[in-house]
Structures are given as C-alpha cells and as structure tokens.
Amino acid sequence: MAIIEVKDAAFSYDGKRMIFEHVGLQAAEGEILCIIGPNGCGKSTLIDCMLGLNKLKAGQIFISGREAEALTPREFAEQVAYVPQGHRTTFAYTVLDIVTMGRTYASRTFAPPGKEQRKIAREALKQVGLSGFEDREYTRLSGGELQLVMIARAIAQQSRLLIMDEPTAHLDFTHELNVMEVITRLVKEQGLSIIMATHFLNQAYYLENAGANTRVALMNDGGLAMTGTPSQVLTQENLEQNFCIITEIVESEFGERKYILPLRNKRSL
C-alpha cells in the first residue's frame, strides 16, 4: 500500500486559472519521491495540498489508504511530518525545546513534555549530527544548522512520511550535503518515505547514486509530465523540453556516479 497517493488532483486559487490538474502520484514505504519542475508549475502548491493547507478543486489524497480529509489532526501527525523551505525564528527557545515540539501531538492536552519525549528529541538531534546543541538558542543558529533542527523536529514526530519543500534552498554546499546524507539514512536505515520538492535536479541523482529507492515526478504546464527513476526522467531531451536548457549527463569512469552539467540556456540561442 502507498504511504500517500494523489488521485486526479486539480487546484486553483481563484476558481478560474488552474495551477495544476489531473495530477496522480504516490510514494511507497522506504521511497523518496522528488517533485521537480520549472518555477510556477505548482510544486509547492501541491505540497500544501498534501498537507491540507490547500483544498483541492478536484481529486483526492489518501494517507495509508485513508482519505486525508477524514483524518483527525493527531492521526495526520502520526502519519505525516513537514519540513518547510524556511523558518522564521521568534522567541529564543532552546534547540531541544524546538525539536521536542515535534512530540506535541503525542502529549496530553496542556501537559509539558516528559522525559521520554525529550529522549526522543535528543535522539533525533543525534541523527542529524547536532548532539551538543540541545541548550543553544535556536535564534542564534546558522541557516544550515536551523534547517537541520527542523529536520530533527520532523524526525522526532516519528511519522511514516516526511514532506519537504525545498529543504536545501538556502544552504551552502556543506549543509546541503549534510541534509542529503540525513535523507539517505532515513530512507535506507529506517524505511521512512520522503516527498521532496526541489530545484536542485542533481539531488535526485545523488540519492539514486547513494542507493536510496528514488523516483522523480516532473511537473510542467499545469500538470504532471512524467514519473520514473532519475535516470529515466532526467535525460538531456527531457531537460531541454521542460527547462529549456542544453545539458550533458556526466558519468564517472566506472558509471557509479551521474550528474547533470548545464551548458547553456536554449532561449539564448
């Protein structure tokens, strides 16, 4: 059974212009689904629909076989955790406090987090390489550190599916690699499912190269153009048609690594 399934989905903000329509996709247990596409094709809007922040104009979304709209907030939190593209810091909570907030749904109403909840939060910080950060003020973290804290909070939620919207959008190379390594471990070692919207197409190849079960959903022109493995979808022809760029797909000498080398913008020719 799919962890999440989107069936014939359509969405419009004003009821007139469709952002996307006839979108159908799913993610299985222990699978990464990378949603890619040009700016404005509806990737983040589709993510918001999966999270219940936007209501579909048509179609359905199922979480572990149940219609998402029928789930209580607690039932939804047990299944789905979210890592946003960015996070605005407010009050100077400690890092441990922020990560422990991922356990809120599992606590009794108005009850403070107990020892077990904080133990889970500490373990989540360990998984993203932030052991020792527990007492730091999260308002003083770097962008990369803050994003890892957001991922740790989602891990602490202990949901079966992580939905990430551009999780490395503002990160340097080091922190981007840290995030990609964390994602790979979560899938390969813990069997989590991850849906990740990204503009960095080589991330899909990185995950495939790392041995994670990875598929790509390519969105364009208000709908879903195709799905498949990174090697099937991220071809020179498809990149030229959907992104208007001339590329070369480069492989290592032994074929163990593959990545996209952008050469020029087709529109400038």
Protein backbone atom coordinates (compact mmCIF):
# COMPACT_ATOMS: atom_id res chain seq x y z
CA MET A 1 0.00 0.00 0.00
CA ALA A 2 1.21 3.51 -0.81
CA ILE A 3 2.02 5.76 2.14
CA ILE A 4 0.48 8.64 0.20
CA GLU A 5 -1.49 8.64 -3.03
CA VAL A 6 -2.71 11.63 -5.02
CA LYS A 7 -5.52 10.82 -7.46
CA ASP A 8 -6.51 13.05 -10.38
CA ALA A 9 -5.79 16.21 -8.35
CA ALA A 10 -6.58 19.74 -9.53
CA PHE A 11 -6.19 23.08 -7.79
CA SER A 12 -6.99 26.72 -8.46
CA TYR A 13 -6.69 29.75 -6.20
CA ASP A 14 -9.36 31.82 -7.92
CA GLY A 15 -11.53 29.11 -9.46
CA LYS A 16 -10.51 30.21 -12.96
CA ARG A 17 -6.84 29.58 -13.74
CA MET A 18 -5.78 26.05 -12.85
CA ILE A 19 -2.40 25.80 -11.13
CA PHE A 20 -2.36 22.08 -11.92
CA GLU A 21 -4.84 19.39 -12.87
CA HIS A 22 -5.02 15.63 -13.50
CA VAL A 23 -2.07 15.00 -11.19
CA GLY A 24 -1.68 11.46 -9.95
CA LEU A 25 1.30 10.18 -8.00
CA GLN A 26 2.20 8.09 -4.98
CA ALA A 27 5.07 7.25 -2.65
CA ALA A 28 5.66 3.79 -1.24
CA GLU A 29 7.27 2.78 2.04
CA GLY A 30 11.03 3.42 2.04
CA GLU A 31 10.90 5.54 -1.11
CA ILE A 32 11.96 9.09 -1.96
CA LEU A 33 9.81 10.98 -4.44
CA CYS A 34 11.47 14.12 -5.78
CA ILE A 35 8.99 16.61 -7.24
CA ILE A 36 10.72 18.81 -9.79
CA GLY A 37 9.72 21.32 -12.43
CA PRO A 38 10.16 24.93 -13.58
CA ASN A 39 9.19 27.86 -11.36
CA GLY A 40 5.44 28.34 -11.17
CA CYS A 41 4.50 24.80 -12.19
CA GLY A 42 2.77 24.14 -8.85
CA LYS A 43 5.28 22.09 -6.82
CA SER A 44 4.84 23.98 -3.53
CA THR A 45 1.10 24.31 -4.12
CA LEU A 46 0.83 20.54 -4.50
CA ILE A 47 2.84 20.12 -1.29
CA ASP A 48 0.39 22.43 0.51
CA CYS A 49 -2.49 20.33 -0.79
CA MET A 50 -0.87 17.18 0.59
CA LEU A 51 -0.56 18.93 3.96
CA GLY A 52 -4.19 20.02 3.93
CA LEU A 53 -3.31 23.73 3.75
CA ASN A 54 -4.94 23.99 0.33
CA LYS A 55 -8.20 22.27 -0.59
CA LEU A 56 -8.22 20.50 -3.94
CA LYS A 57 -10.71 21.66 -6.55
CA ALA A 58 -10.92 18.08 -7.78
CA GLY A 59 -9.37 14.74 -6.93
CA GLN A 60 -8.42 13.02 -3.67
CA ILE A 61 -5.42 12.45 -1.43
CA PHE A 62 -5.06 9.26 0.57
CA ILE A 63 -2.71 8.68 3.51
CA SER A 64 -2.06 4.97 4.19
CA GLY A 65 -5.28 4.12 2.36
CA ARG A 66 -7.49 6.63 4.18
CA GLU A 67 -8.75 9.87 2.71
CA ALA A 68 -6.62 12.66 4.17
CA GLU A 69 -9.61 14.89 4.93
CA ALA A 70 -11.08 12.18 7.17
CA LEU A 71 -8.04 12.03 9.45
CA THR A 72 -8.02 13.82 12.80
CA PRO A 73 -5.07 16.19 13.42
CA ARG A 74 -3.46 13.59 15.66
CA GLU A 75 -3.94 10.80 13.11
CA PHE A 76 -2.46 13.02 10.41
CA ALA A 77 0.56 13.88 12.60
CA GLU A 78 1.16 10.19 13.26
CA GLN A 79 1.49 9.68 9.51
CA VAL A 80 2.97 12.91 8.12
CA ALA A 81 5.70 15.31 9.26
CA TYR A 82 6.67 18.50 7.43
CA VAL A 83 9.98 20.31 6.88
CA PRO A 84 9.35 23.81 5.45
CA GLN A 85 11.53 25.64 2.95
CA GLY A 86 12.35 28.30 5.52
CA HIS A 87 11.55 29.07 9.12
CA ARG A 88 11.16 32.45 10.81
CA THR A 89 12.69 32.44 14.27
CA THR A 90 10.74 34.19 17.03
CA PHE A 91 11.24 33.51 20.72
CA ALA A 92 14.66 32.26 21.83
CA TYR A 93 13.67 28.69 22.57
CA THR A 94 16.45 26.18 23.06
CA VAL A 95 17.17 23.73 20.27
CA LEU A 96 15.88 20.89 22.45
CA ASP A 97 12.60 22.76 23.04
CA ILE A 98 12.09 23.24 19.30
CA VAL A 99 12.74 19.58 18.48
CA THR A 100 10.55 18.41 21.39
CA MET A 101 7.68 20.36 19.81
CA GLY A 102 7.59 17.57 17.26
CA ARG A 103 6.15 15.41 20.04
CA THR A 104 3.28 17.79 20.87
CA TYR A 105 0.63 15.63 19.18
CA ALA A 106 1.62 12.67 21.38
CA SER A 107 1.29 14.60 24.69
CA ARG A 108 -1.80 15.12 26.73
CA THR A 109 -3.51 18.49 26.37
CA PHE A 110 -1.61 21.23 28.25
CA ALA A 111 0.82 18.63 29.64
CA PRO A 112 4.54 19.51 29.49
CA PRO A 113 6.83 17.13 27.61
CA GLY A 114 8.10 14.29 29.78
CA LYS A 115 11.44 12.50 29.94
CA GLU A 116 10.52 10.09 27.18
CA GLN A 117 9.58 12.90 24.80
CA ARG A 118 12.86 14.70 25.44
CA LYS A 119 14.76 11.45 24.99
CA ILE A 120 13.19 11.06 21.55
CA ALA A 121 14.11 14.68 20.73
CA ARG A 122 17.74 14.13 21.78
CA GLU A 123 17.96 11.03 19.61
CA ALA A 124 16.57 13.00 16.65
CA LEU A 125 19.27 15.65 17.14
CA LYS A 126 21.88 12.90 17.19
CA GLN A 127 20.60 11.58 13.87
CA VAL A 128 21.19 14.93 12.15
CA GLY A 129 24.60 15.44 13.76
CA LEU A 130 23.57 18.09 16.29
CA SER A 131 24.34 16.36 19.58
CA GLY A 132 25.57 19.03 21.97
CA PHE A 133 23.26 21.70 20.51
CA GLU A 134 20.43 20.99 22.96
CA ASP A 135 20.86 24.11 25.11
CA ARG A 136 21.69 26.57 22.35
CA GLU A 137 19.21 29.30 21.44
CA TYR A 138 17.80 28.41 18.07
CA THR A 139 17.56 32.10 17.12
CA ARG A 140 21.38 32.18 17.04
CA LEU A 141 21.91 29.25 14.71
CA SER A 142 23.16 29.49 11.15
CA GLY A 143 20.75 28.79 8.32
CA GLY A 144 22.16 25.32 7.79
CA GLU A 145 22.02 24.45 11.48
CA LEU A 146 18.45 25.73 11.72
CA GLN A 147 17.36 23.58 8.79
CA LEU A 148 18.87 20.51 10.43
CA VAL A 149 16.93 21.38 13.61
CA MET A 150 13.71 21.50 11.56
CA ILE A 151 14.52 18.06 10.14
CA ALA A 152 15.26 16.78 13.66
CA ARG A 153 11.86 18.08 14.80
CA ALA A 154 10.20 16.16 11.96
CA ILE A 155 12.17 13.01 12.83
CA ALA A 156 11.10 13.35 16.48
CA GLN A 157 7.49 13.28 15.31
CA GLN A 158 8.12 9.63 14.34
CA SER A 159 5.78 9.81 11.37
CA ARG A 160 5.95 7.40 8.44
CA LEU A 161 6.18 10.13 5.80
CA LEU A 162 8.32 13.29 5.70
CA ILE A 163 7.24 16.02 3.28
CA MET A 164 9.97 18.54 2.49
CA ASP A 165 9.59 21.74 0.49
CA GLU A 166 12.98 22.84 -0.90
CA PRO A 167 14.85 21.61 2.21
CA THR A 168 18.24 22.87 0.98
CA ALA A 169 17.12 26.09 -0.74
CA HIS A 170 19.30 28.47 1.32
CA LEU A 171 22.16 26.19 2.32
CA ASP A 172 25.83 26.12 1.38
CA PHE A 173 27.41 23.01 -0.15
CA THR A 174 28.42 21.54 3.21
CA HIS A 175 25.00 21.83 4.81
CA GLU A 176 23.27 20.72 1.59
CA LEU A 177 25.37 17.55 1.64
CA ASN A 178 24.59 17.04 5.35
CA VAL A 179 20.86 17.20 4.60
CA MET A 180 21.15 14.80 1.66
CA GLU A 181 23.09 12.32 3.80
CA VAL A 182 20.44 12.52 6.52
CA ILE A 183 17.66 11.91 3.97
CA THR A 184 19.51 8.90 2.58
CA ARG A 185 19.95 7.35 6.04
CA LEU A 186 16.30 7.91 7.00
CA VAL A 187 15.15 6.00 3.93
CA LYS A 188 17.75 3.24 3.81
CA GLU A 189 18.08 2.55 7.54
CA GLN A 190 14.65 3.42 8.92
CA GLY A 191 12.39 2.78 5.95
CA LEU A 192 10.80 6.24 6.04
CA SER A 193 9.12 7.66 2.96
CA ILE A 194 10.06 11.15 1.80
CA ILE A 195 8.44 13.55 -0.66
CA MET A 196 10.79 16.37 -1.53
CA ALA A 197 10.15 19.32 -3.83
CA THR A 198 13.47 20.60 -5.15
CA HIS A 199 15.02 22.85 -7.80
CA PHE A 200 18.38 21.10 -7.47
CA LEU A 201 18.00 18.32 -10.01
CA ASN A 202 21.35 16.72 -9.21
CA GLN A 203 19.97 15.88 -5.76
CA ALA A 204 17.82 13.19 -7.39
CA TYR A 205 20.92 11.70 -9.00
CA TYR A 206 22.77 11.92 -5.67
CA LEU A 207 20.05 9.92 -3.94
CA GLU A 208 19.95 7.36 -6.74
CA ASN A 209 23.76 7.08 -6.67
CA ALA A 210 23.63 6.58 -2.89
CA GLY A 211 21.42 3.54 -3.33
CA ALA A 212 18.19 5.07 -1.99
CA ASN A 213 14.96 3.99 -3.67
CA THR A 214 14.30 7.19 -5.61
CA ARG A 215 11.73 8.29 -8.15
CA VAL A 216 11.16 11.65 -9.83
CA ALA A 217 7.85 13.35 -10.63
CA LEU A 218 8.32 16.03 -13.29
CA MET A 219 5.68 18.76 -13.29
CA ASN A 220 5.20 21.25 -16.11
CA ASP A 221 2.46 23.18 -17.92
CA GLY A 222 -0.04 22.80 -15.10
CA GLY A 223 0.23 19.08 -14.67
CA LEU A 224 2.41 16.01 -14.30
CA ALA A 225 4.64 15.42 -17.31
CA MET A 226 6.15 12.07 -16.26
CA THR A 227 7.41 9.93 -13.40
CA GLY A 228 10.23 7.43 -13.19
CA THR A 229 13.71 6.91 -11.82
CA PRO A 230 16.15 9.83 -12.04
CA SER A 231 17.93 8.10 -14.93
CA GLN A 232 14.64 7.70 -16.78
CA VAL A 233 13.33 11.24 -16.25
CA LEU A 234 16.43 13.44 -16.07
CA THR A 235 17.60 12.97 -19.64
CA GLN A 236 19.07 15.60 -21.93
CA GLU A 237 15.93 15.55 -24.07
CA ASN A 238 13.53 15.95 -21.15
CA LEU A 239 15.60 18.73 -19.58
CA GLU A 240 15.68 20.60 -22.89
CA GLN A 241 11.91 20.23 -23.39
CA ASN A 242 10.84 21.13 -19.86
CA PHE A 243 13.54 23.53 -18.63
CA CYS A 244 14.78 24.93 -21.96
CA ILE A 245 18.41 24.19 -21.12
CA ILE A 246 21.09 22.34 -23.03
CA THR A 247 22.81 19.86 -20.74
CA GLU A 248 25.23 16.98 -20.65
CA ILE A 249 24.68 13.95 -18.40
CA VAL A 250 28.11 13.13 -16.99
CA GLU A 251 29.02 9.73 -15.58
CA SER A 252 32.10 8.68 -13.64
CA GLU A 253 34.63 6.37 -15.26
CA PHE A 254 33.00 3.28 -13.74
CA GLY A 255 29.41 4.51 -14.09
CA GLU A 256 28.93 4.75 -10.32
CA ARG A 257 28.10 8.45 -10.28
CA LYS A 258 25.94 10.53 -12.58
CA TYR A 259 25.12 14.24 -12.60
CA ILE A 260 23.72 16.97 -14.82
CA LEU A 261 26.12 19.51 -16.32
CA PRO A 262 24.18 22.59 -17.54
CA LEU A 263 25.77 24.08 -20.68
CA ARG A 264 23.57 26.93 -21.89
CA ASN A 265 20.05 28.36 -21.96
CA LYS A 266 18.19 27.24 -25.06
CA ARG A 267 16.29 30.55 -25.20
CA SER A 268 19.55 32.47 -25.71
CA LEU A 269 20.42 30.57 -28.90
